[in-house]
């Protein structure tokens, strides 16, 4: 992950070397190694994705592409806040590191799972989750809603969803019950570091995961970012808010998951993805 960028981009080299210093361990070794099981651990995956996304953004920005508005799905909200100059790369990395470690502790304390529910409306899913610790975690589109909770509850609710007409239930390859109340114990540590961090008045607005509201005020952004950790990601509504500002989207990150989701929300939106050195190379014609 990011090895070609590190070899060919001074921006990547500088940011990854700086990240090693800030984190106090060699995140580059974990990113560049082929051992995906280690990289997938929450405490490493979150910081790696944040670093990688910020690098891609900086390379694209150097080509004079300045966004009008930003948003990020779950962890992506943190690199989005770097992209709109709410905080420095270093500040964002320190926050993400605390978030990742705190969420990793939550995973150790309670085995959690997440599954995508295809072809069932939000109201019906909520009804079938009642009485369990499973809950809606991501509202990605009308046809794709993710549930999160303890392993037993997700298994039980998944059976119930199938029996009530869900087209598909897809277990997600994640290590915990993100955006559920099983992550609430991580909130105090996240609140502490965010509350004390320097947030600037952003140069362009962000649409927050927590409530799909467009905001620029630093204190308002902090509050929404803290609430994000154990509340649903309102992605479908966020995309609708973004599209009121601009219909051209750029997805930045290690995969192209959001491109497909955006098209399901509104086929008229145009979206380009930049996920690797090859994408950036083609884009910059180098």
Foldseek 3Di string as FASTA:
>chain_A
DCPVVCVPPPLLVVLQVVLCVLVVHRLVVVVPDPPVVVCQQLLNVLLVFLSQLLSLLVLVVVVVDQDQEAEQFQSGRLSRLCSQPQDPSSLSSVLSNLLSVLQSVLLVVAFKWKKKFFDDAQVVLQVLLPPHQKDWAECLARGITMIMDGPVSVVVSLVVSVVVPTPDIGTDPHGHRWLACSSVSSLVSSLVSLVPDRTDQTNHWYQAQQPRDTDRDSVVNSVSSSNSGNHHGHNLSNLVVVVVVPLEEEATTQDDVSVVSSCNSPVVGHYHYDHDPVSSCVVVVD
